[in-house]
Amino acid sequence: MLTVTRSNGNVTVTDNNGNTFNVTTANVAIENGVVHVIDGVLLP
C-alpha cells in the first residue's frame, strides 16, 4: 500500500516500510498518460 500526502504544496509518497519520497516533477506527459517523478525507488 502507498500513502500519498499533500501539504503546503509538497506531495510525498510513503510505502508500507515507512520510506518517504518526494514528488519532484508532476504531470509529465507521455504517450498514454502522465508520469509523476519521485526522488527514490519504491520496492515491493
Protein backbone atom coordinates (compact mmCIF):
# COMPACT_ATOMS: atom_id res chain seq x y z
CA MET A 1 0.00 0.00 0.00
CA LEU A 2 1.16 3.53 -0.76
CA THR A 3 0.09 6.68 1.06
CA VAL A 4 0.15 9.96 -0.85
CA THR A 5 0.13 13.16 1.20
CA ARG A 6 -0.11 16.77 0.08
CA SER A 7 0.98 19.50 2.49
CA ASN A 8 1.98 23.12 1.82
CA GLY A 9 2.23 22.47 -1.91
CA ASN A 10 4.52 19.44 -1.48
CA VAL A 11 3.48 15.88 -2.31
CA THR A 12 5.06 12.84 -0.66
CA VAL A 13 4.64 9.10 -1.16
CA THR A 14 5.12 6.72 1.79
CA ASP A 15 5.35 2.94 1.39
CA ASN A 16 4.50 0.16 3.87
CA ASN A 17 8.06 0.17 5.23
CA GLY A 18 7.81 3.83 6.21
CA ASN A 19 10.09 5.07 3.42
CA THR A 20 9.00 8.54 2.29
CA PHE A 21 9.80 10.05 -1.11
CA ASN A 22 9.04 13.47 -2.56
CA VAL A 23 7.31 14.08 -5.87
CA THR A 24 9.88 16.20 -7.71
CA THR A 25 8.06 16.64 -11.04
CA ALA A 26 4.34 16.13 -11.58
CA ASN A 27 2.25 15.59 -14.71
CA VAL A 28 4.94 14.72 -17.25
CA ALA A 29 3.00 13.92 -20.44
CA ILE A 30 3.79 10.58 -22.09
CA GLU A 31 2.14 8.78 -24.99
CA ASN A 32 -0.59 7.06 -22.95
CA GLY A 33 -0.95 9.22 -19.83
CA VAL A 34 1.15 11.14 -17.33
CA VAL A 35 4.05 10.33 -15.01
CA HIS A 36 4.91 11.76 -11.59
CA VAL A 37 8.66 11.65 -10.84
CA ILE A 38 9.76 10.87 -7.26
CA ASP A 39 13.21 11.13 -5.67
CA GLY A 40 13.55 7.46 -4.75
CA VAL A 41 12.82 3.89 -5.76
CA LEU A 42 9.74 2.07 -4.49
CA LEU A 43 10.47 -1.58 -3.67
CA PRO A 44 7.85 -4.26 -3.04
